[in-house]
Structure formats: C-alpha cells, structure tokens
Amino acid sequence: MKYLYPLISAVALSGCMQDASWETSLVCAGPESSSTMDRKTMQPTAPSLTHRMPVEVRFRHGEIFVRSLTAPTTQDSEGTLYFQSQQAGGWMAGQYDEKHSRLNLIIERHIQIAGDDQAVRTVGTYECVPSTGPLIKGLAPRSV
C-alpha cells in the first residue's frame, strides 16, 4: 500500500504534463503593470507596479491558454488573433500578433480583502518565442 500512492501520483502527473494536445506553445516576456483598485469606485488602493515578467502561452483548436485562463480566439485577415473571456473571478482580453511575435494582454481578477471588493488589473506587452527552442530562464529576448 505504501508504494501505491507514489505510483498513482506518477501516473496522474505524467498525464497532466503532456503537451501533445497543444498545437503551439510559446514563452513570452515583457513589461507589465499591475494595479489594485476598489471595485465600487475604481480608484487605486495601492501604487501601480511595473516589472518584466515571463508568460507561458498555449494555443489549441481556436483557444488560448494563459495564466491559468482560457479564451476562444478569432483571427483577422492579417493573422492577428483576438481573444476575451469572462469568469466568475474576473476577465481576460488581448491579442497575439503572430507576424511580430507580440502579445498584448489585460487580466483583471476580483478579490475581497477585509470585506472590500478589490480588482487587480495586469496589463502587459510581451515578446514571444516558441517554447521548443533554447530558452534562458524562460524569458523571451528583448527587441533590438
């Protein structure tokens, strides 16, 4: 019995970590800004923070997966993918320009702190590379 749990865990994890179902996998990095706001007044409750962050992006069958959120995609005539979705705890919207390997992303998550409804909005522009290539610490190269 003591060997059964590690075996079940290994089988479960091996199935969860397969990338075969994703058509495209990217790693992106770039500047993003995060701000916290009161949801009633939409006034800032903390200073905005800007930093460079990595983001993993995956596409499959007309769907994008980014930061644990999924959304359907639509493509324009020039190849830019647009996406948006709304969840119980917030929303996500953005676009991916395949020609320039650039992702624009807005994510808003709703939380409650000490009885006050808060919104944390993250806005970023990221440069992307295929995640199958050599990567240094998961960060996409900066543009020249």
N, C-alpha and C. Protein backbone atom coordinates (compact mmCIF):
# COMPACT_ATOMS: atom_id res chain seq x y z
N MET A 1 0.82 -1.19 0.00
CA MET A 1 0.00 0.00 0.00
C MET A 1 0.86 1.26 0.00
N LYS A 2 2.03 1.20 0.69
CA LYS A 2 2.84 2.42 0.75
C LYS A 2 3.43 2.78 -0.61
N TYR A 3 3.52 1.82 -1.56
CA TYR A 3 4.03 2.11 -2.89
C TYR A 3 2.93 2.48 -3.87
N LEU A 4 1.70 2.29 -3.48
CA LEU A 4 0.57 2.56 -4.35
C LEU A 4 0.38 4.07 -4.57
N TYR A 5 0.48 4.87 -3.54
CA TYR A 5 0.28 6.32 -3.67
C TYR A 5 1.31 6.99 -4.57
N PRO A 6 2.62 6.70 -4.43
CA PRO A 6 3.58 7.30 -5.36
C PRO A 6 3.34 6.87 -6.80
N LEU A 7 2.92 5.62 -7.00
CA LEU A 7 2.65 5.13 -8.34
C LEU A 7 1.46 5.86 -8.95
N ILE A 8 0.39 6.02 -8.18
CA ILE A 8 -0.79 6.74 -8.67
C ILE A 8 -0.44 8.19 -8.97
N SER A 9 0.35 8.81 -8.11
CA SER A 9 0.77 10.21 -8.33
C SER A 9 1.59 10.34 -9.60
N ALA A 10 2.52 9.43 -9.83
CA ALA A 10 3.36 9.48 -11.02
C ALA A 10 2.53 9.33 -12.29
N VAL A 11 1.57 8.43 -12.28
CA VAL A 11 0.71 8.23 -13.45
C VAL A 11 -0.14 9.47 -13.69
N ALA A 12 -0.71 10.03 -12.64
CA ALA A 12 -1.55 11.22 -12.78
C ALA A 12 -0.75 12.41 -13.30
N LEU A 13 0.44 12.63 -12.75
CA LEU A 13 1.26 13.75 -13.18
C LEU A 13 1.75 13.58 -14.61
N SER A 14 2.09 12.38 -15.00
CA SER A 14 2.58 12.18 -16.36
C SER A 14 1.51 12.51 -17.37
N GLY A 15 0.25 12.23 -17.06
CA GLY A 15 -0.84 12.58 -17.96
C GLY A 15 -1.11 14.06 -17.99
N CYS A 16 -0.91 14.75 -16.88
CA CYS A 16 -1.18 16.19 -16.81
C CYS A 16 -0.09 17.01 -17.49
N MET A 17 1.10 16.48 -17.60
CA MET A 17 2.21 17.28 -18.08
C MET A 17 2.48 17.09 -19.58
N GLN A 18 1.66 16.36 -20.28
CA GLN A 18 1.88 16.15 -21.70
C GLN A 18 1.42 17.37 -22.47
N ASP A 19 2.22 17.77 -23.48
CA ASP A 19 1.89 18.92 -24.30
C ASP A 19 1.30 18.51 -25.64
N ALA A 20 1.03 17.24 -25.86
CA ALA A 20 0.60 16.75 -27.16
C ALA A 20 -0.69 17.41 -27.63
N SER A 21 -1.58 17.78 -26.72
CA SER A 21 -2.84 18.35 -27.13
C SER A 21 -2.75 19.82 -27.52
N TRP A 22 -1.63 20.48 -27.25
CA TRP A 22 -1.47 21.89 -27.59
C TRP A 22 -0.80 22.00 -28.94
N GLU A 23 -1.38 22.80 -29.85
CA GLU A 23 -0.82 22.97 -31.18
C GLU A 23 0.43 23.83 -31.16
N THR A 24 0.40 24.90 -30.38
CA THR A 24 1.51 25.85 -30.31
C THR A 24 1.76 26.21 -28.86
N SER A 25 3.03 26.28 -28.49
CA SER A 25 3.40 26.67 -27.14
C SER A 25 4.47 27.75 -27.24
N LEU A 26 4.26 28.86 -26.54
CA LEU A 26 5.18 30.00 -26.58
C LEU A 26 5.61 30.38 -25.17
N VAL A 27 6.75 31.02 -25.07
CA VAL A 27 7.12 31.69 -23.84
C VAL A 27 7.33 33.16 -24.22
N CYS A 28 6.76 34.03 -23.43
CA CYS A 28 6.77 35.46 -23.74
C CYS A 28 7.29 36.22 -22.51
N ALA A 29 7.87 37.37 -22.74
CA ALA A 29 8.32 38.21 -21.64
C ALA A 29 8.25 39.67 -22.05
N GLY A 30 8.03 40.51 -21.07
CA GLY A 30 7.97 41.93 -21.35
C GLY A 30 7.46 42.69 -20.15
N PRO A 31 7.38 44.01 -20.29
CA PRO A 31 6.93 44.83 -19.17
C PRO A 31 5.44 44.67 -18.94
N GLU A 32 5.08 44.58 -17.66
CA GLU A 32 3.67 44.56 -17.31
C GLU A 32 3.46 45.45 -16.10
N SER A 33 2.27 45.99 -16.02
CA SER A 33 1.91 46.88 -14.93
C SER A 33 0.73 46.27 -14.18
N SER A 34 0.82 46.24 -12.87
CA SER A 34 -0.27 45.73 -12.03
C SER A 34 -0.78 46.84 -11.14
N SER A 35 -2.10 46.95 -11.06
CA SER A 35 -2.69 47.96 -10.18
C SER A 35 -3.88 47.36 -9.44
N THR A 36 -4.07 47.79 -8.21
CA THR A 36 -5.17 47.33 -7.37
C THR A 36 -6.15 48.49 -7.21
N MET A 37 -7.44 48.18 -7.42
CA MET A 37 -8.46 49.21 -7.36
C MET A 37 -9.64 48.75 -6.51
N ASP A 38 -10.34 49.71 -5.91
CA ASP A 38 -11.60 49.45 -5.24
C ASP A 38 -12.64 49.23 -6.35
N ARG A 39 -13.38 48.12 -6.31
CA ARG A 39 -14.31 47.80 -7.39
C ARG A 39 -15.52 48.72 -7.44
N LYS A 40 -15.88 49.36 -6.33
CA LYS A 40 -17.03 50.27 -6.34
C LYS A 40 -16.67 51.60 -7.00
N THR A 41 -15.53 52.16 -6.63
CA THR A 41 -15.14 53.47 -7.13
C THR A 41 -14.15 53.40 -8.29
N MET A 42 -13.52 52.23 -8.48
CA MET A 42 -12.45 52.02 -9.46
C MET A 42 -11.28 52.99 -9.24
N GLN A 43 -11.10 53.40 -8.00
CA GLN A 43 -9.97 54.24 -7.61
C GLN A 43 -8.84 53.34 -7.11
N PRO A 44 -7.58 53.71 -7.37
CA PRO A 44 -6.45 52.90 -6.92
C PRO A 44 -6.41 52.79 -5.40
N THR A 45 -6.07 51.60 -4.90
CA THR A 45 -5.91 51.40 -3.46
C THR A 45 -4.45 51.15 -3.10
N ALA A 46 -3.59 51.05 -4.12
CA ALA A 46 -2.16 50.84 -3.91
C ALA A 46 -1.43 51.40 -5.13
N PRO A 47 -0.15 51.74 -4.97
CA PRO A 47 0.60 52.22 -6.13
C PRO A 47 0.70 51.14 -7.20
N SER A 48 0.72 51.57 -8.46
CA SER A 48 0.88 50.66 -9.58
C SER A 48 2.32 50.16 -9.62
N LEU A 49 2.51 48.89 -9.95
CA LEU A 49 3.83 48.29 -10.03
C LEU A 49 4.12 47.87 -11.46
N THR A 50 5.31 48.17 -11.96
CA THR A 50 5.71 47.76 -13.30
C THR A 50 6.96 46.90 -13.18
N HIS A 51 6.96 45.78 -13.88
CA HIS A 51 8.09 44.86 -13.84
C HIS A 51 8.09 44.01 -15.11
N ARG A 52 9.20 43.34 -15.37
CA ARG A 52 9.32 42.45 -16.53
C ARG A 52 8.97 41.03 -16.07
N MET A 53 8.02 40.40 -16.75
CA MET A 53 7.54 39.08 -16.34
C MET A 53 7.48 38.11 -17.51
N PRO A 54 7.74 36.83 -17.24
CA PRO A 54 7.54 35.80 -18.27
C PRO A 54 6.08 35.32 -18.25
N VAL A 55 5.59 34.91 -19.41
CA VAL A 55 4.24 34.40 -19.55
C VAL A 55 4.28 33.21 -20.50
N GLU A 56 3.70 32.08 -20.09
CA GLU A 56 3.57 30.93 -20.98
C GLU A 56 2.23 31.04 -21.69
N VAL A 57 2.23 30.79 -23.00
CA VAL A 57 1.03 30.89 -23.81
C VAL A 57 0.90 29.61 -24.63
N ARG A 58 -0.30 29.07 -24.68
CA ARG A 58 -0.54 27.86 -25.48
C ARG A 58 -1.81 28.04 -26.29
N PHE A 59 -1.78 27.49 -27.50
CA PHE A 59 -2.92 27.56 -28.40
C PHE A 59 -3.36 26.15 -28.79
N ARG A 60 -4.66 25.94 -28.92
CA ARG A 60 -5.18 24.71 -29.49
C ARG A 60 -6.62 24.92 -29.96
N HIS A 61 -6.92 24.40 -31.11
CA HIS A 61 -8.27 24.36 -31.65
C HIS A 61 -9.06 25.65 -31.41
N GLY A 62 -8.47 26.80 -31.78
CA GLY A 62 -9.17 28.07 -31.63
C GLY A 62 -9.31 28.57 -30.22
N GLU A 63 -8.39 28.16 -29.35
CA GLU A 63 -8.44 28.53 -27.93
C GLU A 63 -7.04 28.91 -27.46
N ILE A 64 -6.98 29.88 -26.55
CA ILE A 64 -5.70 30.29 -25.95
C ILE A 64 -5.74 29.97 -24.46
N PHE A 65 -4.58 29.58 -23.93
CA PHE A 65 -4.43 29.31 -22.50
C PHE A 65 -3.28 30.18 -22.01
N VAL A 66 -3.55 31.06 -21.06
CA VAL A 66 -2.52 31.94 -20.50
C VAL A 66 -2.87 32.22 -19.04
N ARG A 67 -1.88 32.10 -18.17
CA ARG A 67 -2.05 32.37 -16.74
C ARG A 67 -3.26 31.67 -16.13
N SER A 68 -3.41 30.42 -16.41
CA SER A 68 -4.48 29.55 -15.90
C SER A 68 -5.86 29.93 -16.41
N LEU A 69 -5.95 30.76 -17.43
CA LEU A 69 -7.24 31.15 -18.01
C LEU A 69 -7.29 30.73 -19.48
N THR A 70 -8.47 30.40 -19.98
CA THR A 70 -8.64 30.07 -21.39
C THR A 70 -9.67 31.01 -22.00
N ALA A 71 -9.54 31.19 -23.32
CA ALA A 71 -10.48 32.04 -24.05
C ALA A 71 -10.51 31.59 -25.50
N PRO A 72 -11.67 31.71 -26.16
CA PRO A 72 -11.73 31.42 -27.59
C PRO A 72 -11.00 32.52 -28.37
N THR A 73 -10.44 32.16 -29.53
CA THR A 73 -9.73 33.14 -30.35
C THR A 73 -10.47 33.35 -31.67
N THR A 74 -10.32 34.55 -32.22
CA THR A 74 -10.76 34.86 -33.57
C THR A 74 -9.58 35.49 -34.28
N GLN A 75 -9.48 35.26 -35.59
CA GLN A 75 -8.32 35.75 -36.34
C GLN A 75 -8.80 36.71 -37.42
N ASP A 76 -8.07 37.84 -37.57
CA ASP A 76 -8.41 38.78 -38.64
C ASP A 76 -7.67 38.39 -39.92
N SER A 77 -7.88 39.14 -40.97
CA SER A 77 -7.30 38.81 -42.28
C SER A 77 -5.78 38.94 -42.31
N GLU A 78 -5.20 39.67 -41.35
CA GLU A 78 -3.74 39.83 -41.31
C GLU A 78 -3.07 38.84 -40.36
N GLY A 79 -3.84 37.93 -39.76
CA GLY A 79 -3.27 36.89 -38.92
C GLY A 79 -3.20 37.21 -37.44
N THR A 80 -3.72 38.35 -37.01
CA THR A 80 -3.72 38.68 -35.59
C THR A 80 -4.86 37.93 -34.90
N LEU A 81 -4.53 37.28 -33.79
CA LEU A 81 -5.53 36.55 -33.00
C LEU A 81 -6.06 37.45 -31.89
N TYR A 82 -7.36 37.52 -31.75
CA TYR A 82 -8.00 38.29 -30.68
C TYR A 82 -8.71 37.32 -29.75
N PHE A 83 -8.74 37.65 -28.46
CA PHE A 83 -9.39 36.77 -27.50
C PHE A 83 -9.94 37.56 -26.33
N GLN A 84 -10.97 37.02 -25.73
CA GLN A 84 -11.52 37.59 -24.50
C GLN A 84 -12.41 36.55 -23.83
N SER A 85 -12.44 36.60 -22.51
CA SER A 85 -13.32 35.71 -21.76
C SER A 85 -13.64 36.34 -20.42
N GLN A 86 -14.75 35.92 -19.88
CA GLN A 86 -15.18 36.41 -18.57
C GLN A 86 -15.39 35.20 -17.67
N GLN A 87 -14.85 35.25 -16.48
CA GLN A 87 -15.03 34.20 -15.49
C GLN A 87 -15.67 34.81 -14.26
N ALA A 88 -16.05 33.96 -13.33
CA ALA A 88 -16.68 34.44 -12.09
C ALA A 88 -15.75 35.38 -11.33
N GLY A 89 -14.45 35.12 -11.37
CA GLY A 89 -13.50 35.92 -10.61
C GLY A 89 -12.78 37.00 -11.39
N GLY A 90 -13.26 37.33 -12.60
CA GLY A 90 -12.61 38.38 -13.38
C GLY A 90 -12.76 38.16 -14.87
N TRP A 91 -11.83 38.74 -15.64
CA TRP A 91 -11.88 38.63 -17.09
C TRP A 91 -10.49 38.75 -17.68
N MET A 92 -10.38 38.39 -18.96
CA MET A 92 -9.12 38.47 -19.70
C MET A 92 -9.45 38.91 -21.12
N ALA A 93 -8.57 39.72 -21.71
CA ALA A 93 -8.71 40.13 -23.11
C ALA A 93 -7.33 40.41 -23.67
N GLY A 94 -7.18 40.27 -24.98
CA GLY A 94 -5.90 40.58 -25.58
C GLY A 94 -5.84 40.22 -27.04
N GLN A 95 -4.62 40.30 -27.57
CA GLN A 95 -4.37 39.93 -28.95
C GLN A 95 -2.95 39.41 -29.09
N TYR A 96 -2.77 38.50 -30.05
CA TYR A 96 -1.45 37.97 -30.34
C TYR A 96 -1.16 38.22 -31.82
N ASP A 97 -0.12 39.00 -32.09
CA ASP A 97 0.32 39.32 -33.45
C ASP A 97 1.41 38.33 -33.82
N GLU A 98 1.03 37.31 -34.61
CA GLU A 98 1.99 36.26 -34.97
C GLU A 98 3.12 36.80 -35.83
N LYS A 99 2.82 37.76 -36.69
CA LYS A 99 3.82 38.34 -37.59
C LYS A 99 4.98 38.97 -36.82
N HIS A 100 4.68 39.64 -35.71
CA HIS A 100 5.70 40.31 -34.90
C HIS A 100 5.99 39.57 -33.59
N SER A 101 5.35 38.42 -33.38
CA SER A 101 5.51 37.62 -32.16
C SER A 101 5.29 38.46 -30.90
N ARG A 102 4.19 39.21 -30.90
CA ARG A 102 3.91 40.11 -29.78
C ARG A 102 2.52 39.82 -29.20
N LEU A 103 2.48 39.75 -27.88
CA LEU A 103 1.24 39.51 -27.15
C LEU A 103 0.88 40.75 -26.34
N ASN A 104 -0.35 41.21 -26.47
CA ASN A 104 -0.90 42.27 -25.62
C ASN A 104 -1.98 41.62 -24.77
N LEU A 105 -1.91 41.85 -23.46
CA LEU A 105 -2.77 41.11 -22.55
C LEU A 105 -3.26 42.01 -21.42
N ILE A 106 -4.54 41.87 -21.08
CA ILE A 106 -5.13 42.52 -19.90
C ILE A 106 -5.86 41.43 -19.12
N ILE A 107 -5.54 41.30 -17.85
CA ILE A 107 -6.24 40.37 -16.98
C ILE A 107 -6.70 41.13 -15.75
N GLU A 108 -7.96 40.97 -15.40
CA GLU A 108 -8.48 41.56 -14.17
C GLU A 108 -9.04 40.44 -13.32
N ARG A 109 -8.55 40.36 -12.08
CA ARG A 109 -9.04 39.36 -11.13
C ARG A 109 -9.72 40.10 -9.98
N HIS A 110 -10.83 39.54 -9.53
CA HIS A 110 -11.61 40.15 -8.45
C HIS A 110 -11.36 39.38 -7.15
N ILE A 111 -11.07 40.13 -6.11
CA ILE A 111 -10.80 39.53 -4.80
C ILE A 111 -11.50 40.36 -3.73
N GLN A 112 -11.61 39.78 -2.55
CA GLN A 112 -12.18 40.51 -1.43
C GLN A 112 -11.15 40.54 -0.30
N ILE A 113 -10.82 41.76 0.16
CA ILE A 113 -9.85 41.94 1.23
C ILE A 113 -10.52 42.72 2.34
N ALA A 114 -10.58 42.11 3.52
CA ALA A 114 -11.20 42.73 4.69
C ALA A 114 -12.59 43.26 4.38
N GLY A 115 -13.37 42.50 3.62
CA GLY A 115 -14.74 42.88 3.30
C GLY A 115 -14.88 43.86 2.16
N ASP A 116 -13.78 44.35 1.60
CA ASP A 116 -13.82 45.29 0.48
C ASP A 116 -13.56 44.55 -0.84
N ASP A 117 -14.40 44.81 -1.84
CA ASP A 117 -14.20 44.21 -3.16
C ASP A 117 -13.08 44.96 -3.88
N GLN A 118 -12.08 44.20 -4.29
CA GLN A 118 -10.92 44.77 -4.97
C GLN A 118 -10.79 44.16 -6.37
N ALA A 119 -10.16 44.88 -7.26
CA ALA A 119 -9.83 44.38 -8.59
C ALA A 119 -8.33 44.57 -8.78
N VAL A 120 -7.66 43.51 -9.22
CA VAL A 120 -6.24 43.60 -9.55
C VAL A 120 -6.13 43.46 -11.06
N ARG A 121 -5.70 44.53 -11.72
CA ARG A 121 -5.61 44.55 -13.17
C ARG A 121 -4.15 44.52 -13.59
N THR A 122 -3.84 43.59 -14.48
CA THR A 122 -2.49 43.44 -15.02
C THR A 122 -2.55 43.70 -16.52
N VAL A 123 -1.70 44.61 -16.98
CA VAL A 123 -1.64 44.99 -18.40
C VAL A 123 -0.21 44.82 -18.85
N GLY A 124 -0.01 44.11 -19.97
CA GLY A 124 1.35 43.90 -20.44
C GLY A 124 1.45 43.75 -21.93
N THR A 125 2.66 44.01 -22.43
CA THR A 125 3.03 43.77 -23.82
C THR A 125 4.27 42.90 -23.79
N TYR A 126 4.19 41.73 -24.43
CA TYR A 126 5.24 40.73 -24.32
C TYR A 126 5.73 40.31 -25.70
N GLU A 127 7.03 40.02 -25.80
CA GLU A 127 7.61 39.45 -27.00
C GLU A 127 7.69 37.95 -26.78
N CYS A 128 7.41 37.18 -27.84
CA CYS A 128 7.28 35.73 -27.68
C CYS A 128 8.23 34.96 -28.59
N VAL A 129 8.61 33.78 -28.14
CA VAL A 129 9.39 32.83 -28.93
C VAL A 129 8.78 31.45 -28.71
N PRO A 130 8.97 30.54 -29.67
CA PRO A 130 8.46 29.17 -29.46
C PRO A 130 9.12 28.54 -28.24
N SER A 131 8.36 27.84 -27.45
CA SER A 131 8.94 27.26 -26.23
C SER A 131 9.72 25.99 -26.50
N THR A 132 9.81 25.57 -27.75
CA THR A 132 10.59 24.38 -28.07
C THR A 132 12.06 24.70 -28.26
N GLY A 133 12.40 25.97 -28.42
CA GLY A 133 13.79 26.37 -28.63
C GLY A 133 14.53 26.57 -27.32
N PRO A 134 15.83 26.87 -27.41
CA PRO A 134 16.61 27.11 -26.19
C PRO A 134 16.17 28.41 -25.52
N LEU A 135 15.89 28.33 -24.24
CA LEU A 135 15.44 29.49 -23.50
C LEU A 135 16.34 29.73 -22.30
N ILE A 136 16.55 30.98 -21.97
CA ILE A 136 17.33 31.33 -20.79
C ILE A 136 16.36 31.82 -19.73
N LYS A 137 16.19 31.04 -18.68
CA LYS A 137 15.30 31.37 -17.57
C LYS A 137 13.87 31.67 -18.03
N GLY A 138 13.45 31.12 -19.17
CA GLY A 138 12.07 31.28 -19.63
C GLY A 138 11.71 32.66 -20.12
N LEU A 139 12.70 33.51 -20.40
CA LEU A 139 12.40 34.86 -20.84
C LEU A 139 12.64 34.99 -22.34
N ALA A 140 11.71 35.60 -23.04
CA ALA A 140 11.89 35.86 -24.45
C ALA A 140 12.92 36.97 -24.61
N PRO A 141 13.61 37.02 -25.76
CA PRO A 141 14.62 38.07 -25.98
C PRO A 141 13.98 39.44 -26.11
N ARG A 142 14.74 40.45 -25.73
CA ARG A 142 14.26 41.82 -25.89
C ARG A 142 14.43 42.21 -27.35
N SER A 143 13.56 43.10 -27.84
CA SER A 143 13.66 43.51 -29.24
C SER A 143 14.85 44.45 -29.42
N VAL A 144 15.35 44.46 -30.62
CA VAL A 144 16.53 45.28 -30.95
C VAL A 144 16.09 46.58 -31.56
